[in-house]
Amino acid sequence: MLHHQEWVPIALVGLGLILLVIAYYLRQKAKNLCKTLTLLYELNQKVNQDALDFFEQAWPILKQAGLAEIQAEIHWFGERQYKNFTSQKPLGVKQTVQLEVDDMYFQLMVRYPRYLASDYSWLNLIVTTFVQILEQNLEHKHAEILTSQKRLERYQMFVQHEIKNIAQFIQLLSEQVVKLQADADKLKLINRLQNTLPIMSERAKNTLQKM
């Protein structure tokens, strides 16, 4: 029969083995978490931060990480879409998320499988990152739209200015033609137009291209 003093080393060895197994488990979890998050960020770069493409192509990564289901109602500039991705895992905790930026709206329903609390925490961190990337993509799209609108406004101002200049040139030319009587004056006007008309023609061509 083992004495108390003899049990202590055995207990310490057992405790050490348990701690070693826990450390290995946490290390593997952290490694898998880092790998999954890297895949999500790499995918986002691959699709050029396009929210719809990112959402569509992220499911295999989320499924591999352990997610059971994700549903989405998407409103995209007046167009409504419904998406549903499921795995064969037993359904567990449900989480809903709403993202809305301008005319872009995502209502997400995420289901976790029946995991232990520790596993749920790891998977929840992955889903949170996925949602954050998706929201950033919506903000990015909104910024692109605002930039395009400002660029369009500048083009409109340019076109309006050029149309006004061309109209004034035509009006001035018309007034000069009406006033001219002598052939010498008409010849001078023609000579001037030979230099001026190509420039105005090029400006008119550029204006039409902008329009």
N, C-alpha and C. Protein backbone atom coordinates (compact mmCIF):
# COMPACT_ATOMS: atom_id res chain seq x y z
N MET A 1 0.84 -1.20 0.00
CA MET A 1 0.00 0.00 0.00
C MET A 1 0.88 1.25 0.00
N LEU A 2 0.55 2.21 -0.91
CA LEU A 2 1.35 3.40 -1.05
C LEU A 2 1.08 4.37 0.09
N HIS A 3 2.16 4.96 0.61
CA HIS A 3 2.02 5.97 1.63
C HIS A 3 1.71 7.32 1.00
N HIS A 4 1.32 8.25 1.86
CA HIS A 4 0.97 9.58 1.40
C HIS A 4 2.12 10.23 0.63
N GLN A 5 3.35 10.04 1.14
CA GLN A 5 4.51 10.64 0.49
C GLN A 5 4.71 10.08 -0.92
N GLU A 6 4.33 8.83 -1.13
CA GLU A 6 4.51 8.20 -2.42
C GLU A 6 3.44 8.64 -3.43
N TRP A 7 2.28 9.01 -2.94
CA TRP A 7 1.20 9.48 -3.82
C TRP A 7 1.49 10.85 -4.40
N VAL A 8 2.18 11.67 -3.68
CA VAL A 8 2.42 13.06 -4.12
C VAL A 8 3.12 13.12 -5.46
N PRO A 9 4.25 12.43 -5.67
CA PRO A 9 4.90 12.51 -6.99
C PRO A 9 4.01 12.02 -8.12
N ILE A 10 3.25 10.95 -7.85
CA ILE A 10 2.36 10.40 -8.88
C ILE A 10 1.29 11.42 -9.24
N ALA A 11 0.73 12.08 -8.22
CA ALA A 11 -0.30 13.09 -8.46
C ALA A 11 0.25 14.26 -9.25
N LEU A 12 1.48 14.66 -8.90
CA LEU A 12 2.10 15.77 -9.62
C LEU A 12 2.35 15.42 -11.09
N VAL A 13 2.79 14.20 -11.33
CA VAL A 13 3.01 13.74 -12.72
C VAL A 13 1.69 13.74 -13.49
N GLY A 14 0.64 13.24 -12.82
CA GLY A 14 -0.68 13.22 -13.46
C GLY A 14 -1.18 14.62 -13.77
N LEU A 15 -0.99 15.51 -12.80
CA LEU A 15 -1.40 16.90 -13.01
C LEU A 15 -0.61 17.53 -14.14
N GLY A 16 0.68 17.21 -14.19
CA GLY A 16 1.52 17.75 -15.26
C GLY A 16 1.06 17.28 -16.63
N LEU A 17 0.68 15.99 -16.70
CA LEU A 17 0.18 15.45 -17.97
C LEU A 17 -1.12 16.13 -18.39
N ILE A 18 -1.99 16.36 -17.41
CA ILE A 18 -3.26 17.04 -17.71
C ILE A 18 -3.01 18.45 -18.23
N LEU A 19 -2.11 19.17 -17.56
CA LEU A 19 -1.79 20.53 -17.99
C LEU A 19 -1.16 20.52 -19.38
N LEU A 20 -0.35 19.51 -19.65
CA LEU A 20 0.29 19.39 -20.96
C LEU A 20 -0.75 19.16 -22.05
N VAL A 21 -1.73 18.30 -21.77
CA VAL A 21 -2.80 18.05 -22.74
C VAL A 21 -3.63 19.31 -22.98
N ILE A 22 -3.94 20.04 -21.90
CA ILE A 22 -4.71 21.28 -22.03
C ILE A 22 -3.94 22.31 -22.85
N ALA A 23 -2.65 22.42 -22.57
CA ALA A 23 -1.81 23.38 -23.30
C ALA A 23 -1.76 23.03 -24.79
N TYR A 24 -1.63 21.72 -25.08
CA TYR A 24 -1.61 21.28 -26.48
C TYR A 24 -2.95 21.57 -27.16
N TYR A 25 -4.04 21.32 -26.43
CA TYR A 25 -5.38 21.58 -26.98
C TYR A 25 -5.56 23.07 -27.30
N LEU A 26 -5.17 23.92 -26.35
CA LEU A 26 -5.32 25.36 -26.57
C LEU A 26 -4.42 25.85 -27.70
N ARG A 27 -3.23 25.27 -27.78
CA ARG A 27 -2.31 25.66 -28.86
C ARG A 27 -2.90 25.30 -30.22
N GLN A 28 -3.47 24.09 -30.33
CA GLN A 28 -4.08 23.68 -31.59
C GLN A 28 -5.28 24.57 -31.94
N LYS A 29 -6.07 24.91 -30.93
CA LYS A 29 -7.22 25.79 -31.15
C LYS A 29 -6.77 27.16 -31.64
N ALA A 30 -5.75 27.69 -30.99
CA ALA A 30 -5.23 29.00 -31.39
C ALA A 30 -4.66 28.95 -32.80
N LYS A 31 -3.98 27.86 -33.13
CA LYS A 31 -3.42 27.69 -34.47
C LYS A 31 -4.53 27.64 -35.52
N ASN A 32 -5.57 26.86 -35.25
CA ASN A 32 -6.70 26.76 -36.18
C ASN A 32 -7.43 28.09 -36.31
N LEU A 33 -7.56 28.81 -35.19
CA LEU A 33 -8.20 30.12 -35.21
C LEU A 33 -7.42 31.08 -36.09
N CYS A 34 -6.12 31.13 -35.91
CA CYS A 34 -5.27 32.02 -36.69
C CYS A 34 -5.36 31.67 -38.18
N LYS A 35 -5.38 30.38 -38.49
CA LYS A 35 -5.47 29.94 -39.88
C LYS A 35 -6.80 30.37 -40.51
N THR A 36 -7.89 30.20 -39.76
CA THR A 36 -9.21 30.57 -40.28
C THR A 36 -9.33 32.06 -40.51
N LEU A 37 -8.86 32.86 -39.56
CA LEU A 37 -8.92 34.32 -39.70
C LEU A 37 -8.07 34.77 -40.89
N THR A 38 -6.92 34.14 -41.07
CA THR A 38 -6.06 34.47 -42.22
C THR A 38 -6.78 34.16 -43.53
N LEU A 39 -7.47 33.03 -43.59
CA LEU A 39 -8.21 32.66 -44.80
C LEU A 39 -9.31 33.68 -45.11
N LEU A 40 -9.98 34.16 -44.08
CA LEU A 40 -11.03 35.16 -44.28
C LEU A 40 -10.45 36.46 -44.84
N TYR A 41 -9.34 36.91 -44.27
CA TYR A 41 -8.73 38.15 -44.75
C TYR A 41 -8.16 37.99 -46.16
N GLU A 42 -7.59 36.84 -46.44
CA GLU A 42 -7.06 36.59 -47.78
C GLU A 42 -8.19 36.54 -48.81
N LEU A 43 -9.31 35.91 -48.44
CA LEU A 43 -10.47 35.87 -49.33
C LEU A 43 -10.97 37.28 -49.62
N ASN A 44 -11.02 38.11 -48.60
CA ASN A 44 -11.50 39.48 -48.78
C ASN A 44 -10.63 40.25 -49.76
N GLN A 45 -9.32 40.04 -49.69
CA GLN A 45 -8.42 40.68 -50.64
C GLN A 45 -8.62 40.11 -52.04
N LYS A 46 -8.86 38.82 -52.12
CA LYS A 46 -9.05 38.16 -53.41
C LYS A 46 -10.28 38.70 -54.14
N VAL A 47 -11.35 38.97 -53.42
CA VAL A 47 -12.59 39.47 -54.04
C VAL A 47 -12.63 41.00 -54.07
N ASN A 48 -11.49 41.64 -53.74
CA ASN A 48 -11.39 43.11 -53.78
C ASN A 48 -12.42 43.79 -52.89
N GLN A 49 -12.64 43.23 -51.71
CA GLN A 49 -13.53 43.81 -50.70
C GLN A 49 -14.97 43.95 -51.21
N ASP A 50 -15.36 43.07 -52.11
CA ASP A 50 -16.74 43.06 -52.59
C ASP A 50 -17.60 42.30 -51.58
N ALA A 51 -18.59 42.97 -51.00
CA ALA A 51 -19.39 42.39 -49.91
C ALA A 51 -20.14 41.13 -50.35
N LEU A 52 -20.77 41.17 -51.52
CA LEU A 52 -21.56 40.02 -51.97
C LEU A 52 -20.67 38.82 -52.26
N ASP A 53 -19.56 39.04 -52.97
CA ASP A 53 -18.65 37.94 -53.28
C ASP A 53 -18.03 37.37 -52.00
N PHE A 54 -17.67 38.24 -51.07
CA PHE A 54 -17.08 37.78 -49.82
C PHE A 54 -18.07 36.90 -49.05
N PHE A 55 -19.32 37.35 -48.98
CA PHE A 55 -20.33 36.58 -48.25
C PHE A 55 -20.53 35.21 -48.90
N GLU A 56 -20.63 35.17 -50.22
CA GLU A 56 -20.87 33.91 -50.94
C GLU A 56 -19.71 32.93 -50.73
N GLN A 57 -18.49 33.43 -50.81
CA GLN A 57 -17.33 32.54 -50.82
C GLN A 57 -16.78 32.24 -49.43
N ALA A 58 -17.30 32.91 -48.42
CA ALA A 58 -16.79 32.68 -47.06
C ALA A 58 -17.38 31.43 -46.42
N TRP A 59 -18.49 30.94 -46.94
CA TRP A 59 -19.15 29.80 -46.28
C TRP A 59 -18.25 28.57 -46.14
N PRO A 60 -17.52 28.14 -47.17
CA PRO A 60 -16.66 26.96 -46.96
C PRO A 60 -15.67 27.14 -45.82
N ILE A 61 -15.16 28.36 -45.63
CA ILE A 61 -14.23 28.61 -44.53
C ILE A 61 -14.96 28.51 -43.19
N LEU A 62 -16.16 29.11 -43.11
CA LEU A 62 -16.94 29.06 -41.87
C LEU A 62 -17.41 27.64 -41.56
N LYS A 63 -17.76 26.91 -42.61
CA LYS A 63 -18.18 25.52 -42.42
C LYS A 63 -17.03 24.67 -41.90
N GLN A 64 -15.85 24.86 -42.47
CA GLN A 64 -14.67 24.12 -42.03
C GLN A 64 -14.33 24.44 -40.58
N ALA A 65 -14.59 25.70 -40.19
CA ALA A 65 -14.32 26.12 -38.81
C ALA A 65 -15.31 25.52 -37.82
N GLY A 66 -16.47 25.03 -38.34
CA GLY A 66 -17.43 24.36 -37.46
C GLY A 66 -18.81 24.97 -37.40
N LEU A 67 -19.06 26.04 -38.16
CA LEU A 67 -20.37 26.68 -38.11
C LEU A 67 -21.44 25.74 -38.69
N ALA A 68 -22.62 25.75 -38.10
CA ALA A 68 -23.68 24.83 -38.52
C ALA A 68 -24.55 25.41 -39.64
N GLU A 69 -24.85 26.70 -39.59
CA GLU A 69 -25.77 27.28 -40.57
C GLU A 69 -25.63 28.79 -40.60
N ILE A 70 -25.87 29.37 -41.77
CA ILE A 70 -25.96 30.82 -41.88
C ILE A 70 -27.02 31.17 -42.93
N GLN A 71 -27.94 32.02 -42.55
CA GLN A 71 -28.98 32.50 -43.46
C GLN A 71 -28.85 34.01 -43.59
N ALA A 72 -29.28 34.52 -44.73
CA ALA A 72 -29.16 35.96 -44.95
C ALA A 72 -30.29 36.48 -45.82
N GLU A 73 -30.83 37.61 -45.41
CA GLU A 73 -31.73 38.39 -46.26
C GLU A 73 -30.94 39.64 -46.64
N ILE A 74 -30.74 39.81 -47.95
CA ILE A 74 -29.88 40.88 -48.45
C ILE A 74 -30.70 41.84 -49.31
N HIS A 75 -30.62 43.13 -48.99
CA HIS A 75 -31.18 44.17 -49.83
C HIS A 75 -30.01 44.93 -50.45
N TRP A 76 -29.91 44.83 -51.77
CA TRP A 76 -28.76 45.42 -52.46
C TRP A 76 -29.24 46.42 -53.50
N PHE A 77 -29.34 47.68 -53.09
CA PHE A 77 -29.77 48.77 -53.98
C PHE A 77 -31.11 48.44 -54.65
N GLY A 78 -32.06 48.03 -53.83
CA GLY A 78 -33.41 47.75 -54.32
C GLY A 78 -33.67 46.31 -54.68
N GLU A 79 -32.62 45.52 -54.84
CA GLU A 79 -32.77 44.09 -55.17
C GLU A 79 -32.70 43.27 -53.89
N ARG A 80 -33.64 42.34 -53.73
CA ARG A 80 -33.69 41.51 -52.52
C ARG A 80 -33.24 40.09 -52.84
N GLN A 81 -32.38 39.56 -51.97
CA GLN A 81 -31.86 38.20 -52.15
C GLN A 81 -31.97 37.44 -50.83
N TYR A 82 -32.10 36.12 -50.95
CA TYR A 82 -32.12 35.25 -49.77
C TYR A 82 -31.07 34.16 -49.96
N LYS A 83 -30.24 33.98 -48.96
CA LYS A 83 -29.18 32.97 -49.02
C LYS A 83 -29.29 32.06 -47.80
N ASN A 84 -28.97 30.79 -47.99
CA ASN A 84 -29.03 29.83 -46.90
C ASN A 84 -27.95 28.77 -47.10
N PHE A 85 -27.02 28.68 -46.14
CA PHE A 85 -25.96 27.68 -46.18
C PHE A 85 -26.04 26.85 -44.90
N THR A 86 -26.01 25.53 -45.06
CA THR A 86 -26.11 24.65 -43.89
C THR A 86 -25.09 23.52 -44.01
N SER A 87 -24.71 22.99 -42.85
CA SER A 87 -23.87 21.80 -42.80
C SER A 87 -24.69 20.68 -42.15
N GLN A 88 -24.05 19.55 -41.92
CA GLN A 88 -24.74 18.42 -41.33
C GLN A 88 -24.63 18.40 -39.80
N LYS A 89 -24.09 19.46 -39.23
CA LYS A 89 -23.89 19.50 -37.79
C LYS A 89 -25.22 19.76 -37.07
N PRO A 90 -25.40 19.22 -35.87
CA PRO A 90 -26.64 19.49 -35.11
C PRO A 90 -26.73 20.97 -34.73
N LEU A 91 -27.91 21.54 -34.91
CA LEU A 91 -28.10 22.97 -34.67
C LEU A 91 -28.11 23.28 -33.18
N GLY A 92 -27.50 24.41 -32.86
CA GLY A 92 -27.45 24.82 -31.48
C GLY A 92 -27.85 26.28 -31.30
N VAL A 93 -27.00 27.06 -30.68
CA VAL A 93 -27.29 28.46 -30.36
C VAL A 93 -27.47 29.28 -31.63
N LYS A 94 -28.47 30.18 -31.63
CA LYS A 94 -28.75 31.06 -32.77
C LYS A 94 -28.31 32.48 -32.44
N GLN A 95 -27.76 33.16 -33.43
CA GLN A 95 -27.35 34.56 -33.28
C GLN A 95 -27.80 35.34 -34.51
N THR A 96 -28.36 36.53 -34.31
CA THR A 96 -28.80 37.37 -35.43
C THR A 96 -27.98 38.66 -35.45
N VAL A 97 -27.70 39.13 -36.67
CA VAL A 97 -26.91 40.34 -36.87
C VAL A 97 -27.53 41.15 -38.01
N GLN A 98 -27.59 42.46 -37.85
CA GLN A 98 -28.08 43.34 -38.89
C GLN A 98 -27.00 44.35 -39.26
N LEU A 99 -26.74 44.47 -40.54
CA LEU A 99 -25.78 45.43 -41.06
C LEU A 99 -26.48 46.29 -42.11
N GLU A 100 -26.36 47.59 -42.00
CA GLU A 100 -27.02 48.48 -42.96
C GLU A 100 -26.15 49.71 -43.20
N VAL A 101 -25.82 49.93 -44.47
CA VAL A 101 -25.07 51.10 -44.90
C VAL A 101 -25.70 51.60 -46.19
N ASP A 102 -26.27 52.79 -46.13
CA ASP A 102 -26.93 53.38 -47.31
C ASP A 102 -28.00 52.41 -47.83
N ASP A 103 -27.92 52.02 -49.11
CA ASP A 103 -28.91 51.11 -49.70
C ASP A 103 -28.46 49.66 -49.65
N MET A 104 -27.55 49.34 -48.76
CA MET A 104 -27.05 47.98 -48.61
C MET A 104 -27.43 47.46 -47.22
N TYR A 105 -28.08 46.30 -47.19
CA TYR A 105 -28.61 45.79 -45.92
C TYR A 105 -28.43 44.27 -45.86
N PHE A 106 -27.85 43.81 -44.76
CA PHE A 106 -27.71 42.37 -44.50
C PHE A 106 -28.37 42.04 -43.17
N GLN A 107 -29.29 41.09 -43.19
CA GLN A 107 -29.82 40.54 -41.95
C GLN A 107 -29.36 39.08 -41.89
N LEU A 108 -28.48 38.79 -40.94
CA LEU A 108 -27.87 37.47 -40.85
C LEU A 108 -28.43 36.69 -39.68
N MET A 109 -28.59 35.39 -39.88
CA MET A 109 -28.95 34.48 -38.80
C MET A 109 -27.90 33.37 -38.82
N VAL A 110 -27.16 33.28 -37.73
CA VAL A 110 -26.08 32.31 -37.63
C VAL A 110 -26.43 31.27 -36.58
N ARG A 111 -26.20 30.01 -36.90
CA ARG A 111 -26.43 28.94 -35.91
C ARG A 111 -25.11 28.21 -35.64
N TYR A 112 -24.83 28.06 -34.36
CA TYR A 112 -23.67 27.30 -33.92
C TYR A 112 -24.08 25.86 -33.67
N PRO A 113 -23.17 24.93 -33.82
CA PRO A 113 -23.51 23.55 -33.46
C PRO A 113 -23.51 23.37 -31.94
N ARG A 114 -23.95 22.23 -31.48
CA ARG A 114 -23.99 21.98 -30.04
C ARG A 114 -22.59 21.65 -29.55
N TYR A 115 -21.89 22.69 -29.19
CA TYR A 115 -20.52 22.54 -28.71
C TYR A 115 -20.44 22.85 -27.23
N LEU A 116 -19.26 22.55 -26.69
CA LEU A 116 -18.96 22.99 -25.33
C LEU A 116 -18.75 24.49 -25.33
N ALA A 117 -18.86 25.10 -24.19
CA ALA A 117 -18.74 26.55 -24.09
C ALA A 117 -17.40 27.04 -24.62
N SER A 118 -16.33 26.31 -24.37
CA SER A 118 -15.00 26.74 -24.81
C SER A 118 -14.93 26.78 -26.34
N ASP A 119 -15.48 25.76 -27.00
CA ASP A 119 -15.48 25.72 -28.46
C ASP A 119 -16.37 26.83 -29.03
N TYR A 120 -17.47 27.10 -28.37
CA TYR A 120 -18.35 28.17 -28.81
C TYR A 120 -17.62 29.51 -28.83
N SER A 121 -16.79 29.75 -27.84
CA SER A 121 -16.06 31.02 -27.76
C SER A 121 -15.11 31.18 -28.95
N TRP A 122 -14.42 30.11 -29.31
CA TRP A 122 -13.51 30.17 -30.46
C TRP A 122 -14.28 30.46 -31.74
N LEU A 123 -15.37 29.74 -31.95
CA LEU A 123 -16.15 29.90 -33.17
C LEU A 123 -16.83 31.26 -33.22
N ASN A 124 -17.26 31.74 -32.07
CA ASN A 124 -17.90 33.06 -32.01
C ASN A 124 -16.92 34.16 -32.43
N LEU A 125 -15.66 34.00 -32.07
CA LEU A 125 -14.64 34.97 -32.46
C LEU A 125 -14.47 34.97 -33.99
N ILE A 126 -14.53 33.81 -34.61
CA ILE A 126 -14.43 33.71 -36.07
C ILE A 126 -15.63 34.39 -36.74
N VAL A 127 -16.83 34.13 -36.23
CA VAL A 127 -18.03 34.75 -36.79
C VAL A 127 -17.99 36.27 -36.61
N THR A 128 -17.53 36.71 -35.46
CA THR A 128 -17.42 38.16 -35.21
C THR A 128 -16.48 38.80 -36.22
N THR A 129 -15.38 38.16 -36.51
CA THR A 129 -14.43 38.68 -37.50
C THR A 129 -15.05 38.70 -38.88
N PHE A 130 -15.78 37.63 -39.23
CA PHE A 130 -16.48 37.57 -40.52
C PHE A 130 -17.45 38.74 -40.66
N VAL A 131 -18.22 39.00 -39.64
CA VAL A 131 -19.20 40.09 -39.66
C VAL A 131 -18.50 41.44 -39.78
N GLN A 132 -17.40 41.62 -39.05
CA GLN A 132 -16.66 42.88 -39.11
C GLN A 132 -16.10 43.14 -40.50
N ILE A 133 -15.56 42.10 -41.13
CA ILE A 133 -15.05 42.25 -42.50
C ILE A 133 -16.18 42.61 -43.45
N LEU A 134 -17.32 41.94 -43.30
CA LEU A 134 -18.47 42.23 -44.15
C LEU A 134 -18.92 43.68 -43.98
N GLU A 135 -18.97 44.16 -42.75
CA GLU A 135 -19.37 45.54 -42.50
C GLU A 135 -18.36 46.52 -43.10
N GLN A 136 -17.08 46.22 -42.99
CA GLN A 136 -16.05 47.07 -43.59
C GLN A 136 -16.21 47.14 -45.10
N ASN A 137 -16.60 46.02 -45.70
CA ASN A 137 -16.82 46.00 -47.15
C ASN A 137 -17.99 46.89 -47.55
N LEU A 138 -19.03 46.91 -46.73
CA LEU A 138 -20.16 47.79 -47.00
C LEU A 138 -19.73 49.26 -46.90
N GLU A 139 -18.95 49.57 -45.90
CA GLU A 139 -18.44 50.94 -45.75
C GLU A 139 -17.54 51.30 -46.94
N HIS A 140 -16.75 50.36 -47.38
CA HIS A 140 -15.85 50.59 -48.53
C HIS A 140 -16.67 50.86 -49.79
N LYS A 141 -17.73 50.09 -49.99
CA LYS A 141 -18.59 50.29 -51.16
C LYS A 141 -19.26 51.66 -51.09
N HIS A 142 -19.69 52.04 -49.90
CA HIS A 142 -20.34 53.35 -49.74
C HIS A 142 -19.35 54.48 -50.06
N ALA A 143 -18.11 54.33 -49.62
CA ALA A 143 -17.09 55.34 -49.92
C ALA A 143 -16.82 55.43 -51.42
N GLU A 144 -16.82 54.28 -52.09
CA GLU A 144 -16.62 54.27 -53.55
C GLU A 144 -17.75 55.01 -54.26
N ILE A 145 -18.97 54.81 -53.78
CA ILE A 145 -20.12 55.47 -54.39
C ILE A 145 -20.02 56.98 -54.22
N LEU A 146 -19.65 57.43 -53.02
CA LEU A 146 -19.51 58.86 -52.77
C LEU A 146 -18.42 59.45 -53.66
N THR A 147 -17.32 58.73 -53.81
CA THR A 147 -16.23 59.20 -54.68
C THR A 147 -16.70 59.31 -56.13
N SER A 148 -17.46 58.31 -56.58
CA SER A 148 -17.98 58.33 -57.95
C SER A 148 -18.94 59.50 -58.15
N GLN A 149 -19.76 59.76 -57.15
CA GLN A 149 -20.71 60.87 -57.25
C GLN A 149 -19.98 62.21 -57.36
N LYS A 150 -18.92 62.38 -56.56
CA LYS A 150 -18.14 63.62 -56.63
C LYS A 150 -17.45 63.76 -57.97
N ARG A 151 -16.93 62.64 -58.48
CA ARG A 151 -16.29 62.67 -59.80
C ARG A 151 -17.31 63.03 -60.88
N LEU A 152 -18.51 62.49 -60.78
CA LEU A 152 -19.56 62.79 -61.75
C LEU A 152 -19.94 64.27 -61.69
N GLU A 153 -20.01 64.80 -60.47
CA GLU A 153 -20.34 66.23 -60.33
C GLU A 153 -19.27 67.10 -60.99
N ARG A 154 -18.01 66.72 -60.85
CA ARG A 154 -16.94 67.49 -61.51
C ARG A 154 -17.06 67.40 -63.02
N TYR A 155 -17.38 66.21 -63.54
CA TYR A 155 -17.57 66.05 -64.98
C TYR A 155 -18.73 66.91 -65.47
N GLN A 156 -19.80 66.94 -64.70
CA GLN A 156 -20.97 67.73 -65.10
C GLN A 156 -20.62 69.21 -65.16
N MET A 157 -19.85 69.68 -64.19
CA MET A 157 -19.43 71.09 -64.19
C MET A 157 -18.54 71.39 -65.40
N PHE A 158 -17.64 70.46 -65.72
CA PHE A 158 -16.77 70.62 -66.87
C PHE A 158 -17.57 70.69 -68.17
N VAL A 159 -18.52 69.75 -68.32
CA VAL A 159 -19.34 69.72 -69.54
C VAL A 159 -20.18 70.98 -69.68
N GLN A 160 -20.79 71.40 -68.58
CA GLN A 160 -21.60 72.63 -68.62
C GLN A 160 -20.75 73.83 -69.02
N HIS A 161 -19.55 73.92 -68.47
CA HIS A 161 -18.65 75.04 -68.79
C HIS A 161 -18.26 75.02 -70.26
N GLU A 162 -17.93 73.84 -70.78
CA GLU A 162 -17.52 73.73 -72.18
C GLU A 162 -18.68 74.01 -73.12
N ILE A 163 -19.86 73.52 -72.78
CA ILE A 163 -21.02 73.78 -73.64
C ILE A 163 -21.30 75.28 -73.70
N LYS A 164 -21.17 75.94 -72.57
CA LYS A 164 -21.36 77.39 -72.54
C LYS A 164 -20.34 78.10 -73.42
N ASN A 165 -19.07 77.68 -73.34
CA ASN A 165 -18.03 78.31 -74.16
C ASN A 165 -18.28 78.08 -75.65
N ILE A 166 -18.67 76.88 -76.02
CA ILE A 166 -18.92 76.57 -77.43
C ILE A 166 -20.13 77.35 -77.93
N ALA A 167 -21.16 77.45 -77.10
CA ALA A 167 -22.35 78.21 -77.49
C ALA A 167 -22.01 79.68 -77.69
N GLN A 168 -21.20 80.23 -76.80
CA GLN A 168 -20.79 81.64 -76.93
C GLN A 168 -19.96 81.84 -78.19
N PHE A 169 -19.12 80.89 -78.54
CA PHE A 169 -18.30 80.98 -79.76
C PHE A 169 -19.19 80.99 -81.00
N ILE A 170 -20.17 80.08 -81.01
CA ILE A 170 -21.09 80.01 -82.16
C ILE A 170 -21.90 81.30 -82.28
N GLN A 171 -22.37 81.81 -81.16
CA GLN A 171 -23.15 83.07 -81.18
C GLN A 171 -22.31 84.23 -81.69
N LEU A 172 -21.05 84.32 -81.19
CA LEU A 172 -20.17 85.40 -81.64
C LEU A 172 -19.86 85.27 -83.12
N LEU A 173 -19.61 84.05 -83.58
CA LEU A 173 -19.34 83.82 -84.99
C LEU A 173 -20.54 84.21 -85.85
N SER A 174 -21.74 83.86 -85.39
CA SER A 174 -22.95 84.20 -86.13
C SER A 174 -23.13 85.71 -86.25
N GLU A 175 -22.86 86.41 -85.16
CA GLU A 175 -22.98 87.86 -85.18
C GLU A 175 -21.97 88.49 -86.13
N GLN A 176 -20.75 87.95 -86.17
CA GLN A 176 -19.72 88.47 -87.06
C GLN A 176 -20.08 88.24 -88.52
N VAL A 177 -20.61 87.06 -88.81
CA VAL A 177 -20.98 86.74 -90.19
C VAL A 177 -22.07 87.67 -90.68
N VAL A 178 -23.03 87.99 -89.83
CA VAL A 178 -24.13 88.87 -90.23
C VAL A 178 -23.63 90.27 -90.53
N LYS A 179 -22.64 90.75 -89.78
CA LYS A 179 -22.15 92.11 -89.92
C LYS A 179 -21.22 92.28 -91.12
N LEU A 180 -20.59 91.18 -91.56
CA LEU A 180 -19.60 91.31 -92.63
C LEU A 180 -20.27 91.60 -93.98
N GLN A 181 -19.68 92.58 -94.69
CA GLN A 181 -20.18 92.94 -96.02
C GLN A 181 -19.07 92.82 -97.06
N ALA A 182 -17.89 93.37 -96.73
CA ALA A 182 -16.80 93.38 -97.70
C ALA A 182 -16.18 92.00 -97.81
N ASP A 183 -15.74 91.68 -99.05
CA ASP A 183 -15.11 90.38 -99.28
C ASP A 183 -13.80 90.25 -98.51
N ALA A 184 -13.09 91.35 -98.34
CA ALA A 184 -11.81 91.31 -97.61
C ALA A 184 -12.04 90.91 -96.16
N ASP A 185 -13.10 91.44 -95.56
CA ASP A 185 -13.40 91.10 -94.16
C ASP A 185 -13.81 89.63 -94.04
N LYS A 186 -14.56 89.18 -95.03
CA LYS A 186 -14.98 87.78 -95.02
C LYS A 186 -13.76 86.86 -95.14
N LEU A 187 -12.79 87.25 -95.94
CA LEU A 187 -11.58 86.45 -96.11
C LEU A 187 -10.78 86.40 -94.81
N LYS A 188 -10.70 87.55 -94.10
CA LYS A 188 -10.00 87.58 -92.83
C LYS A 188 -10.67 86.65 -91.81
N LEU A 189 -11.99 86.65 -91.82
CA LEU A 189 -12.74 85.79 -90.89
C LEU A 189 -12.47 84.32 -91.20
N ILE A 190 -12.43 84.00 -92.48
CA ILE A 190 -12.17 82.61 -92.87
C ILE A 190 -10.78 82.19 -92.42
N ASN A 191 -9.82 83.07 -92.56
CA ASN A 191 -8.45 82.76 -92.14
C ASN A 191 -8.37 82.54 -90.62
N ARG A 192 -9.10 83.36 -89.88
CA ARG A 192 -9.12 83.19 -88.43
C ARG A 192 -9.78 81.86 -88.04
N LEU A 193 -10.85 81.53 -88.76
CA LEU A 193 -11.57 80.29 -88.45
C LEU A 193 -10.74 79.05 -88.74
N GLN A 194 -9.85 79.16 -89.72
CA GLN A 194 -8.99 78.02 -90.03
C GLN A 194 -8.10 77.66 -88.85
N ASN A 195 -7.77 78.66 -88.05
CA ASN A 195 -6.96 78.42 -86.85
C ASN A 195 -7.81 78.08 -85.62
N THR A 196 -9.01 78.66 -85.58
CA THR A 196 -9.85 78.53 -84.39
C THR A 196 -10.73 77.28 -84.41
N LEU A 197 -11.31 76.95 -85.55
CA LEU A 197 -12.27 75.84 -85.63
C LEU A 197 -11.67 74.49 -85.22
N PRO A 198 -10.44 74.14 -85.60
CA PRO A 198 -9.90 72.85 -85.14
C PRO A 198 -9.82 72.75 -83.61
N ILE A 199 -9.48 73.86 -82.95
CA ILE A 199 -9.41 73.86 -81.49
C ILE A 199 -10.80 73.66 -80.89
N MET A 200 -11.79 74.41 -81.40
CA MET A 200 -13.14 74.29 -80.89
C MET A 200 -13.73 72.91 -81.20
N SER A 201 -13.36 72.38 -82.36
CA SER A 201 -13.83 71.03 -82.72
C SER A 201 -13.30 69.99 -81.75
N GLU A 202 -12.01 70.12 -81.37
CA GLU A 202 -11.42 69.18 -80.42
C GLU A 202 -12.08 69.30 -79.04
N ARG A 203 -12.35 70.53 -78.63
CA ARG A 203 -13.02 70.75 -77.34
C ARG A 203 -14.42 70.15 -77.36
N ALA A 204 -15.14 70.31 -78.49
CA ALA A 204 -16.49 69.74 -78.61
C ALA A 204 -16.43 68.22 -78.56
N LYS A 205 -15.41 67.64 -79.19
CA LYS A 205 -15.25 66.18 -79.19
C LYS A 205 -15.00 65.67 -77.77
N ASN A 206 -14.12 66.35 -77.03
CA ASN A 206 -13.85 65.97 -75.64
C ASN A 206 -15.08 66.10 -74.76
N THR A 207 -15.87 67.14 -75.03
CA THR A 207 -17.10 67.35 -74.24
C THR A 207 -18.09 66.22 -74.49
N LEU A 208 -18.22 65.80 -75.73
CA LEU A 208 -19.14 64.70 -76.06
C LEU A 208 -18.67 63.41 -75.41
N GLN A 209 -17.36 63.20 -75.35
CA GLN A 209 -16.84 61.98 -74.71
C GLN A 209 -17.14 61.97 -73.22
N LYS A 210 -17.04 63.15 -72.57
CA LYS A 210 -17.36 63.24 -71.16
C LYS A 210 -18.85 62.97 -70.92
N MET A 211 -19.68 63.43 -71.84
CA MET A 211 -21.12 63.20 -71.70
C MET A 211 -21.47 61.74 -71.86
